Amino acid sequence: MEANVTDTLLTRLADFYAPLEPGDIPKEVMEKARRVLMDFLCETAAGFKEGELAAICNAYAREIGGREEATILCDGAKVPAPGAAMAMGVMAHSIELDDGHRWGTSHPAVAVIPAVLALGEKRGVSFPEILKGIVIGYDVMLRAARAINPSHLKRGFHSTGTCGTLGAAAGCASILALPADRFAYAVSMGGLQSAGLQEMLHDHPGIKPLQPGKAALAGVLASELALRGAKSPRTLFEGHHGWFKAMCAGECSEEALTGELGRRWEILLTYTKLYPTCRHCHAAIDLAREARSALGCTEREVESLSVRTYRLGIVEVGQVFLPDTFEEAMFSMPFSLAVALRKGNVTLQDYTPELLRDEELRRVAAAVTIDEDERMNAVYPEERGAWLRLVLKDGRSFEKAVPVAKGEPENPVTDGDLTEKLTAMLAPYYPPEFVEGLWKICVDSAMDRVEYRHILDHFGRFHTP
């Protein structure tokens, strides 16, 4: 039996990732890791202020107590590493502004980075080692997600939760410098813990952050058990009762999982979100902002607003037209379009209780029509675009389609775009020095001069216990 399990899809991944040193990873990949870390840290800071579930999870982690291994950022409590990872994952996903990957339909930062930071703090590893853990965690998670989607999503799974366990385990295995055999066992144990359903989109979507938080916790647990000698199936993916069969009924791609190792770094193919909504809203929001600018109008002049997009987007963001809560609004394309037409943007501050009750915004949201576009279905996920037609009461109109939203690898954000987003996002809660100082640490400083304690100290200056 042993000979049959030493050359599997999982062991091929482990054989590649386990020996990597920070210097083996291309410079542009490590630079992208610095920026996704920066983005994640700011989302965590905002989620600490806004997230209802985050407050519950932080309190629970403190209540459990235990060995002081890792810090819950913003909260400041030092708790066992699995609890810190869970709490930070929940905080960062609370505002729907974290990065994503359209081929894997998942959000990597909120599953991978909390686990890497928590275990990295516990082990005292270097900043380059933390960045390497992030890169490897992203690569494993997103390759796995790419391999099973969109079939996986259509079956009702939440890829951030299900695939995040593998990425978090891989990132943590890298932090622990596990050899290839134990690296494989860690990722396998991550896979055994895969969980997450999309049903939360239809009732109490505010629970959604629990799934990446749990994925981060699972990754820490899996790597710690592998370090201590626990073993797990190396036939995780292709086995008779394996991950592929369970997650997508065999509708999968082995090449997407293991192809072009070292040449296709998935972190370079992630997108940056500019609006606090589900990503499926973003192409249409881009168009609504452009229409507002071109026509010089606001929502009060709107007669009709029509959108065409792909089926999976409609399922996730085309069901709620008149949201009653912040969480529902993040998954409402119609309401987000109404906000974009009024404000010229969509920010965290645009989902206040007062705006959610605003009669004119609700009138426009109710007037939106969303239809399925077969061509967009056919090209998904290579394109995740939208077509929009806006007609004003005076007869003027705007009509346009885009293949992808701003922030995708084909239409990337600049460093200026990113800092503008982060500064505006945190403006109600923190002075500009918070973002400026964090950017200097995470992005501008020489990599070998940075330590994770510098980030912890920076957060500590802006948060009182």
Protein backbone atom coordinates (compact mmCIF):
# COMPACT_ATOMS: atom_id res chain seq x y z
CA MET A 1 0.00 0.00 0.00
CA GLU A 2 2.82 2.45 0.84
CA ALA A 3 4.05 2.53 -2.77
CA ASN A 4 0.61 3.63 -3.96
CA VAL A 5 0.43 6.74 -1.84
CA THR A 6 3.87 8.29 -2.15
CA ASP A 7 3.20 9.83 -5.57
CA THR A 8 -0.15 11.56 -5.40
CA LEU A 9 -1.42 15.00 -6.31
CA LEU A 10 -0.91 16.06 -2.71
CA THR A 11 2.64 14.73 -2.40
CA ARG A 12 3.61 16.50 -5.64
CA LEU A 13 2.46 19.77 -4.13
CA ALA A 14 4.26 19.07 -0.87
CA ASP A 15 7.48 18.11 -2.64
CA PHE A 16 7.46 21.47 -4.41
CA TYR A 17 6.46 23.80 -1.56
CA ALA A 18 8.15 22.27 1.49
CA PRO A 19 11.80 23.02 0.52
CA LEU A 20 11.15 26.62 -0.59
CA GLU A 21 13.06 29.44 1.05
CA PRO A 22 12.02 33.10 0.81
CA GLY A 23 14.76 33.72 -1.74
CA ASP A 24 13.34 31.01 -4.01
CA ILE A 25 10.13 32.99 -4.58
CA PRO A 26 10.19 35.66 -7.33
CA LYS A 27 10.54 39.24 -6.13
CA GLU A 28 7.26 40.38 -7.70
CA VAL A 29 5.43 37.58 -5.88
CA MET A 30 6.87 38.63 -2.51
CA GLU A 31 6.02 42.26 -3.28
CA LYS A 32 2.42 41.28 -3.97
CA ALA A 33 2.40 39.40 -0.65
CA ARG A 34 3.39 42.62 1.13
CA ARG A 35 0.42 44.44 -0.40
CA VAL A 36 -2.13 41.72 0.32
CA LEU A 37 -0.88 41.68 3.91
CA MET A 38 -1.35 45.46 4.09
CA ASP A 39 -4.86 45.14 2.68
CA PHE A 40 -5.71 42.36 5.14
CA LEU A 41 -4.44 44.27 8.17
CA CYS A 42 -6.57 47.30 7.33
CA GLU A 43 -9.65 45.14 6.74
CA THR A 44 -9.04 43.58 10.14
CA ALA A 45 -8.88 47.04 11.73
CA ALA A 46 -12.17 48.04 10.10
CA GLY A 47 -13.81 44.71 10.92
CA PHE A 48 -12.87 45.17 14.57
CA LYS A 49 -14.92 48.37 14.57
CA GLU A 50 -17.85 47.19 12.43
CA GLY A 51 -18.20 43.43 12.75
CA GLU A 52 -20.99 42.17 14.99
CA LEU A 53 -19.81 38.57 14.74
CA ALA A 54 -16.22 39.74 15.22
CA ALA A 55 -17.08 41.19 18.62
CA ILE A 56 -18.72 37.92 19.62
CA CYS A 57 -15.77 35.80 18.45
CA ASN A 58 -13.18 38.05 20.08
CA ALA A 59 -15.03 37.87 23.38
CA TYR A 60 -15.31 34.10 23.06
CA ALA A 61 -11.59 33.68 22.38
CA ARG A 62 -10.77 35.78 25.45
CA GLU A 63 -13.28 33.87 27.55
CA ILE A 64 -11.75 30.50 26.67
CA GLY A 65 -8.30 31.77 27.60
CA GLY A 66 -5.31 29.45 27.59
CA ARG A 67 -1.63 29.75 26.78
CA GLU A 68 -0.64 33.22 25.52
CA GLU A 69 0.71 32.37 22.07
CA ALA A 70 -0.62 34.89 19.58
CA THR A 71 -2.21 38.33 19.65
CA ILE A 72 -5.70 39.10 18.38
CA LEU A 73 -4.94 42.24 16.42
CA CYS A 74 -6.92 45.33 17.53
CA ASP A 75 -8.33 43.49 20.54
CA GLY A 76 -4.86 43.05 22.00
CA ALA A 77 -5.61 39.83 23.88
CA LYS A 78 -2.99 37.10 23.67
CA VAL A 79 -4.56 33.65 23.35
CA PRO A 80 -3.74 30.21 21.92
CA ALA A 81 -2.78 30.49 18.23
CA PRO A 82 -5.88 28.68 16.86
CA GLY A 83 -8.18 31.11 18.67
CA ALA A 84 -6.24 34.15 17.47
CA ALA A 85 -6.36 32.86 13.90
CA MET A 86 -10.11 32.35 14.07
CA ALA A 87 -10.78 35.78 15.58
CA MET A 88 -8.67 37.62 13.01
CA GLY A 89 -10.24 35.73 10.11
CA VAL A 90 -13.71 36.71 11.29
CA MET A 91 -12.74 40.36 11.75
CA ALA A 92 -11.12 40.68 8.33
CA HIS A 93 -14.09 39.16 6.47
CA SER A 94 -16.69 41.24 8.31
CA ILE A 95 -16.77 44.13 5.83
CA GLU A 96 -16.54 42.35 2.44
CA LEU A 97 -13.51 44.34 1.31
CA ASP A 98 -10.91 41.57 1.35
CA ASP A 99 -9.18 40.30 -1.77
CA GLY A 100 -10.41 37.45 -3.95
CA HIS A 101 -9.75 35.16 -6.90
CA ARG A 102 -12.34 34.82 -9.62
CA TRP A 103 -11.25 31.41 -10.94
CA GLY A 104 -11.49 29.95 -7.45
CA THR A 105 -14.46 32.09 -6.35
CA SER A 106 -12.85 32.54 -2.96
CA HIS A 107 -11.21 35.04 -0.61
CA PRO A 108 -7.70 33.86 0.29
CA ALA A 109 -6.44 36.52 2.70
CA VAL A 110 -9.02 35.95 5.41
CA ALA A 111 -8.34 32.22 5.61
CA VAL A 112 -4.58 32.11 5.05
CA ILE A 113 -3.10 35.25 6.61
CA PRO A 114 -4.66 34.96 10.11
CA ALA A 115 -3.29 31.45 10.45
CA VAL A 116 0.18 32.43 9.21
CA LEU A 117 0.36 35.47 11.50
CA ALA A 118 -0.86 33.61 14.57
CA LEU A 119 1.54 30.71 14.15
CA GLY A 120 4.31 33.02 12.95
CA GLU A 121 4.03 35.07 16.15
CA LYS A 122 4.02 31.94 18.27
CA ARG A 123 7.15 30.62 16.56
CA GLY A 124 8.92 33.97 16.25
CA VAL A 125 9.69 33.59 12.54
CA SER A 126 11.10 36.33 10.33
CA PHE A 127 9.04 38.70 8.19
CA PRO A 128 10.28 37.08 4.94
CA GLU A 129 9.17 33.69 6.34
CA ILE A 130 5.73 35.14 7.05
CA LEU A 131 5.50 36.45 3.48
CA LYS A 132 6.59 33.06 2.15
CA GLY A 133 3.90 31.38 4.23
CA ILE A 134 1.31 33.74 2.76
CA VAL A 135 2.47 33.03 -0.81
CA ILE A 136 2.40 29.26 -0.31
CA GLY A 137 -0.94 29.35 1.51
CA TYR A 138 -2.47 31.38 -1.31
CA ASP A 139 -1.06 29.05 -3.93
CA VAL A 140 -2.39 25.85 -2.36
CA MET A 141 -5.78 27.31 -1.49
CA LEU A 142 -6.38 28.92 -4.88
CA ARG A 143 -5.09 25.99 -6.92
CA ALA A 144 -7.48 23.75 -5.01
CA ALA A 145 -10.33 26.23 -5.53
CA ARG A 146 -9.51 26.64 -9.22
CA ALA A 147 -9.53 22.85 -9.64
CA ILE A 148 -13.12 22.33 -8.46
CA ASN A 149 -14.96 25.50 -9.45
CA PRO A 150 -17.47 26.54 -10.66
CA SER A 151 -18.96 23.07 -10.01
CA HIS A 152 -18.18 23.40 -6.31
CA LEU A 153 -20.00 26.71 -5.99
CA LYS A 154 -23.00 25.44 -7.92
CA ARG A 155 -23.35 22.63 -5.38
CA GLY A 156 -23.76 25.22 -2.63
CA PHE A 157 -20.30 25.29 -1.10
CA HIS A 158 -18.48 28.41 0.12
CA SER A 159 -14.99 28.05 -1.35
CA THR A 160 -13.39 30.44 1.12
CA GLY A 161 -14.27 28.03 3.90
CA THR A 162 -13.76 24.75 2.11
CA CYS A 163 -10.53 25.57 0.27
CA GLY A 164 -9.29 27.94 2.95
CA THR A 165 -8.53 25.05 5.28
CA LEU A 166 -6.00 23.68 2.78
CA GLY A 167 -4.36 27.04 2.19
CA ALA A 168 -4.18 27.86 5.89
CA ALA A 169 -2.65 24.45 6.60
CA ALA A 170 -0.07 24.91 3.83
CA GLY A 171 0.86 28.39 5.03
CA CYS A 172 1.28 27.10 8.57
CA ALA A 173 3.27 24.07 7.41
CA SER A 174 5.63 26.55 5.76
CA ILE A 175 5.91 28.57 8.99
CA LEU A 176 6.82 25.37 10.85
CA ALA A 177 9.32 24.39 8.10
CA LEU A 178 7.75 20.92 7.93
CA PRO A 179 9.48 18.45 5.63
CA ALA A 180 7.59 17.30 2.56
CA ASP A 181 5.96 14.25 4.16
CA ARG A 182 4.63 16.20 7.13
CA PHE A 183 3.70 19.13 4.88
CA ALA A 184 1.47 16.73 2.96
CA TYR A 185 -0.08 15.40 6.16
CA ALA A 186 -0.84 18.96 7.32
CA VAL A 187 -2.58 19.91 4.07
CA SER A 188 -4.45 16.62 4.12
CA MET A 189 -5.73 17.31 7.63
CA GLY A 190 -6.74 20.74 6.41
CA GLY A 191 -8.72 19.08 3.63
CA LEU A 192 -10.44 16.75 6.06
CA GLN A 193 -11.78 19.84 7.85
CA SER A 194 -13.14 21.53 4.71
CA ALA A 195 -16.49 23.16 5.48
CA GLY A 196 -18.62 26.06 4.36
CA LEU A 197 -22.03 26.56 2.74
CA GLN A 198 -23.48 29.40 0.69
CA GLU A 199 -26.86 29.16 2.40
CA MET A 200 -25.86 32.01 4.70
CA LEU A 201 -26.45 34.36 1.74
CA HIS A 202 -30.18 33.70 2.03
CA ASP A 203 -30.66 34.14 5.78
CA HIS A 204 -28.43 36.00 8.24
CA PRO A 205 -25.45 36.61 5.91
CA GLY A 206 -23.61 38.18 8.82
CA ILE A 207 -22.53 34.66 9.84
CA LYS A 208 -20.42 34.34 6.66
CA PRO A 209 -17.13 35.44 8.34
CA LEU A 210 -17.27 32.41 10.62
CA GLN A 211 -16.26 30.19 7.70
CA PRO A 212 -12.87 31.78 6.91
CA GLY A 213 -12.25 32.18 10.63
CA LYS A 214 -12.80 28.47 11.13
CA ALA A 215 -10.61 27.71 8.09
CA ALA A 216 -7.76 29.69 9.66
CA LEU A 217 -8.19 27.82 12.93
CA ALA A 218 -8.23 24.50 11.07
CA GLY A 219 -4.95 25.34 9.34
CA VAL A 220 -3.16 26.02 12.60
CA LEU A 221 -4.55 22.83 14.11
CA ALA A 222 -3.59 20.69 11.11
CA SER A 223 0.00 21.90 11.00
CA GLU A 224 0.50 21.58 14.74
CA LEU A 225 -0.77 18.00 14.67
CA ALA A 226 1.44 17.14 11.70
CA LEU A 227 4.43 18.59 13.56
CA ARG A 228 3.64 16.24 16.44
CA GLY A 229 3.45 13.14 14.24
CA ALA A 230 -0.18 12.90 13.14
CA LYS A 231 -0.69 11.40 9.70
CA SER A 232 -3.49 11.82 7.17
CA PRO A 233 -4.41 10.44 3.73
CA ARG A 234 -1.97 11.40 0.99
CA THR A 235 -4.70 10.42 -1.48
CA LEU A 236 -6.72 13.40 -0.25
CA PHE A 237 -7.62 14.71 -3.69
CA GLU A 238 -8.01 11.72 -5.99
CA GLY A 239 -8.91 9.00 -3.47
CA HIS A 240 -12.04 6.87 -3.77
CA HIS A 241 -13.66 8.89 -1.00
CA GLY A 242 -11.48 11.90 -1.64
CA TRP A 243 -11.87 15.64 -1.82
CA PHE A 244 -12.56 15.85 -5.56
CA LYS A 245 -15.38 13.33 -5.40
CA ALA A 246 -16.95 14.96 -2.37
CA MET A 247 -16.58 18.58 -3.43
CA CYS A 248 -17.49 18.50 -7.09
CA ALA A 249 -18.54 14.97 -8.09
CA GLY A 250 -15.44 14.57 -10.25
CA GLU A 251 -15.91 17.80 -12.23
CA CYS A 252 -12.36 18.92 -11.56
CA SER A 253 -9.02 19.72 -13.15
CA GLU A 254 -5.80 18.09 -11.98
CA GLU A 255 -3.83 20.52 -14.14
CA ALA A 256 -5.39 23.48 -12.31
CA LEU A 257 -4.18 21.94 -9.06
CA THR A 258 -0.62 20.93 -9.95
CA GLY A 259 0.18 22.52 -13.32
CA GLU A 260 2.86 25.20 -13.77
CA LEU A 261 4.19 24.97 -10.22
CA GLY A 262 6.63 27.80 -9.74
CA ARG A 263 5.46 29.53 -12.90
CA ARG A 264 1.81 30.33 -12.11
CA TRP A 265 1.73 32.02 -8.72
CA GLU A 266 -1.92 32.42 -7.81
CA ILE A 267 -1.31 35.42 -5.56
CA LEU A 268 -0.51 37.44 -8.70
CA LEU A 269 -3.97 36.56 -10.06
CA THR A 270 -5.98 37.82 -7.11
CA TYR A 271 -8.11 40.94 -7.25
CA THR A 272 -8.37 43.90 -4.90
CA LYS A 273 -11.84 45.04 -3.84
CA LEU A 274 -12.73 48.71 -3.85
CA TYR A 275 -16.32 48.40 -2.59
CA PRO A 276 -17.66 46.71 0.58
CA THR A 277 -19.96 44.35 -1.32
CA CYS A 278 -19.78 40.86 -2.73
CA ARG A 279 -17.46 40.89 -5.75
CA HIS A 280 -20.30 39.97 -8.10
CA CYS A 281 -21.63 43.54 -7.66
CA HIS A 282 -18.43 45.30 -8.64
CA ALA A 283 -18.52 45.37 -12.45
CA ALA A 284 -22.04 46.82 -12.34
CA ILE A 285 -21.00 49.37 -9.69
CA ASP A 286 -18.09 50.46 -11.90
CA LEU A 287 -20.59 51.03 -14.72
CA ALA A 288 -23.06 52.90 -12.51
CA ARG A 289 -20.30 55.26 -11.37
CA GLU A 290 -19.27 55.82 -14.98
CA ALA A 291 -22.89 56.45 -16.01
CA ARG A 292 -23.32 59.00 -13.21
CA SER A 293 -20.22 60.84 -14.35
CA ALA A 294 -21.10 60.72 -18.06
CA LEU A 295 -24.68 61.89 -17.60
CA GLY A 296 -24.08 64.23 -14.68
CA CYS A 297 -26.99 62.69 -12.82
CA THR A 298 -27.95 61.30 -9.44
CA GLU A 299 -30.36 58.55 -8.46
CA ARG A 300 -33.26 61.03 -8.30
CA GLU A 301 -33.27 61.34 -12.10
CA VAL A 302 -33.35 57.59 -12.78
CA GLU A 303 -36.30 56.19 -14.70
CA SER A 304 -35.00 52.64 -15.16
CA LEU A 305 -31.83 50.64 -14.60
CA SER A 306 -31.21 47.32 -16.31
CA VAL A 307 -28.34 44.92 -15.69
CA ARG A 308 -27.30 41.72 -17.42
CA THR A 309 -24.74 39.45 -15.86
CA TYR A 310 -23.85 35.79 -15.27
CA ARG A 311 -26.01 33.29 -13.40
CA LEU A 312 -23.79 32.75 -10.36
CA GLY A 313 -23.62 36.48 -9.75
CA ILE A 314 -27.38 36.78 -9.84
CA VAL A 315 -27.74 33.92 -7.36
CA GLU A 316 -25.47 35.68 -4.88
CA VAL A 317 -26.28 39.38 -5.27
CA GLY A 318 -29.47 39.60 -7.33
CA GLN A 319 -31.96 38.30 -4.78
CA VAL A 320 -32.13 41.08 -2.18
CA PHE A 321 -33.46 44.36 -3.58
CA LEU A 322 -34.43 46.19 -0.38
CA PRO A 323 -31.95 45.25 2.36
CA ASP A 324 -32.79 45.90 6.00
CA THR A 325 -29.32 45.35 7.47
CA PHE A 326 -25.70 46.17 6.68
CA GLU A 327 -25.02 42.49 6.03
CA GLU A 328 -27.91 42.20 3.56
CA ALA A 329 -26.82 45.39 1.79
CA MET A 330 -23.38 43.91 1.07
CA PHE A 331 -25.14 41.24 -1.01
CA SER A 332 -27.62 43.52 -2.77
CA MET A 333 -26.59 44.66 -6.23
CA PRO A 334 -29.74 46.80 -6.69
CA PHE A 335 -29.21 48.80 -3.52
CA SER A 336 -25.47 49.16 -4.16
CA LEU A 337 -26.20 50.59 -7.61
CA ALA A 338 -28.62 53.11 -6.10
CA VAL A 339 -25.92 54.17 -3.62
CA ALA A 340 -23.33 54.48 -6.40
CA LEU A 341 -25.66 56.74 -8.36
CA ARG A 342 -26.23 58.98 -5.35
CA LYS A 343 -22.71 59.12 -3.94
CA GLY A 344 -20.49 58.43 -6.91
CA ASN A 345 -18.90 55.63 -4.88
CA VAL A 346 -19.84 52.84 -2.45
CA THR A 347 -18.09 52.87 0.93
CA LEU A 348 -18.56 51.39 4.38
CA GLN A 349 -20.23 54.61 5.47
CA ASP A 350 -22.96 54.23 2.83
CA TYR A 351 -24.80 51.39 4.59
CA THR A 352 -26.02 53.27 7.64
CA PRO A 353 -29.49 52.51 9.04
CA GLU A 354 -30.64 55.91 7.76
CA LEU A 355 -29.53 55.22 4.20
CA LEU A 356 -30.98 51.72 4.27
CA ARG A 357 -34.36 53.31 5.03
CA ASP A 358 -33.96 56.14 2.49
CA GLU A 359 -37.10 56.17 0.33
CA GLU A 360 -35.40 57.43 -2.83
CA LEU A 361 -32.60 54.84 -2.66
CA ARG A 362 -35.18 52.13 -2.11
CA ARG A 363 -37.24 53.42 -5.07
CA VAL A 364 -34.27 53.12 -7.40
CA ALA A 365 -33.24 49.72 -6.00
CA ALA A 366 -36.76 48.40 -6.54
CA ALA A 367 -36.70 49.66 -10.13
CA VAL A 368 -33.56 47.70 -11.04
CA THR A 369 -33.98 44.68 -13.32
CA ILE A 370 -31.32 41.96 -13.47
CA ASP A 371 -31.28 39.39 -16.26
CA GLU A 372 -29.09 36.43 -17.03
CA ASP A 373 -26.74 36.74 -19.99
CA GLU A 374 -25.92 33.47 -21.73
CA ARG A 375 -22.71 34.78 -23.29
CA MET A 376 -21.47 35.84 -19.84
CA ASN A 377 -22.41 32.42 -18.50
CA ALA A 378 -20.34 30.83 -21.26
CA VAL A 379 -17.17 32.84 -20.55
CA TYR A 380 -17.39 32.73 -16.73
CA PRO A 381 -14.98 32.77 -14.86
CA GLU A 382 -12.53 34.03 -17.47
CA GLU A 383 -14.74 37.09 -17.43
CA ARG A 384 -16.95 38.26 -14.58
CA GLY A 385 -18.49 41.33 -16.10
CA ALA A 386 -21.78 43.15 -16.47
CA TRP A 387 -23.85 45.12 -18.96
CA LEU A 388 -25.77 48.13 -17.70
CA ARG A 389 -28.35 50.42 -19.28
CA LEU A 390 -29.44 53.51 -17.37
CA VAL A 391 -32.38 55.64 -18.61
CA LEU A 392 -33.15 59.00 -17.02
CA LYS A 393 -36.54 60.66 -16.66
CA ASP A 394 -35.54 63.22 -19.32
CA GLY A 395 -34.85 60.45 -21.86
CA ARG A 396 -31.06 60.52 -21.77
CA SER A 397 -29.40 57.12 -21.42
CA PHE A 398 -26.12 55.30 -20.86
CA GLU A 399 -25.31 51.79 -22.01
CA LYS A 400 -22.06 49.86 -21.65
CA ALA A 401 -20.56 46.46 -20.80
CA VAL A 402 -17.27 45.58 -19.10
CA PRO A 403 -15.61 42.13 -18.95
CA VAL A 404 -14.09 42.49 -15.47
CA ALA A 405 -14.28 44.91 -12.57
CA LYS A 406 -11.53 47.29 -11.47
CA GLY A 407 -8.92 45.52 -9.36
CA GLU A 408 -8.63 42.32 -11.42
CA PRO A 409 -5.16 41.37 -12.72
CA GLU A 410 -6.14 42.65 -16.18
CA ASN A 411 -7.35 45.96 -14.68
CA PRO A 412 -5.21 46.32 -11.55
CA VAL A 413 -5.20 48.91 -8.82
CA THR A 414 -2.11 51.05 -8.31
CA ASP A 415 -0.45 51.62 -4.95
CA GLY A 416 -2.20 54.97 -4.99
CA ASP A 417 -5.58 53.30 -5.54
CA LEU A 418 -4.89 50.90 -2.67
CA THR A 419 -3.80 53.53 -0.17
CA GLU A 420 -6.75 55.73 -1.14
CA LYS A 421 -9.13 52.83 -0.49
CA LEU A 422 -7.56 51.94 2.85
CA THR A 423 -7.36 55.53 4.08
CA ALA A 424 -11.00 56.23 3.19
CA MET A 425 -12.13 52.91 4.67
CA LEU A 426 -10.48 53.62 8.02
CA ALA A 427 -11.05 57.39 8.17
CA PRO A 428 -14.02 57.16 10.60
CA TYR A 429 -11.98 55.12 13.08
CA TYR A 430 -8.27 55.96 12.78
CA PRO A 431 -6.10 58.97 11.95
CA PRO A 432 -4.16 58.93 8.64
CA GLU A 433 -1.03 57.99 10.56
CA PHE A 434 -2.41 54.50 11.10
CA VAL A 435 -2.40 53.66 7.39
CA GLU A 436 0.75 55.64 6.67
CA GLY A 437 2.74 53.92 9.38
CA LEU A 438 1.44 50.47 8.48
CA TRP A 439 2.32 51.03 4.81
CA LYS A 440 5.86 51.98 5.77
CA ILE A 441 6.26 48.77 7.75
CA CYS A 442 4.54 46.35 5.38
CA VAL A 443 5.48 47.74 1.98
CA ASP A 444 8.20 50.42 2.01
CA SER A 445 10.76 49.13 4.52
CA ALA A 446 13.53 46.73 3.53
CA MET A 447 12.09 43.26 3.97
CA ASP A 448 14.92 42.03 6.18
CA ARG A 449 14.51 45.03 8.50
CA VAL A 450 10.88 44.28 9.36
CA GLU A 451 9.66 42.06 12.18
CA TYR A 452 6.09 41.07 12.97
CA ARG A 453 6.44 42.75 16.36
CA HIS A 454 6.67 46.07 14.50
CA ILE A 455 3.14 45.46 13.20
CA LEU A 456 1.95 44.43 16.66
CA ASP A 457 3.48 47.54 18.21
CA HIS A 458 1.89 49.74 15.56
CA PHE A 459 -1.57 48.30 16.23
CA GLY A 460 -1.00 48.67 19.96
CA ARG A 461 -0.44 52.42 19.59
CA PHE A 462 -3.92 52.87 18.12
CA HIS A 463 -5.88 50.47 20.30
CA THR A 464 -6.36 50.62 24.03
CA PRO A 465 -7.25 47.38 25.86
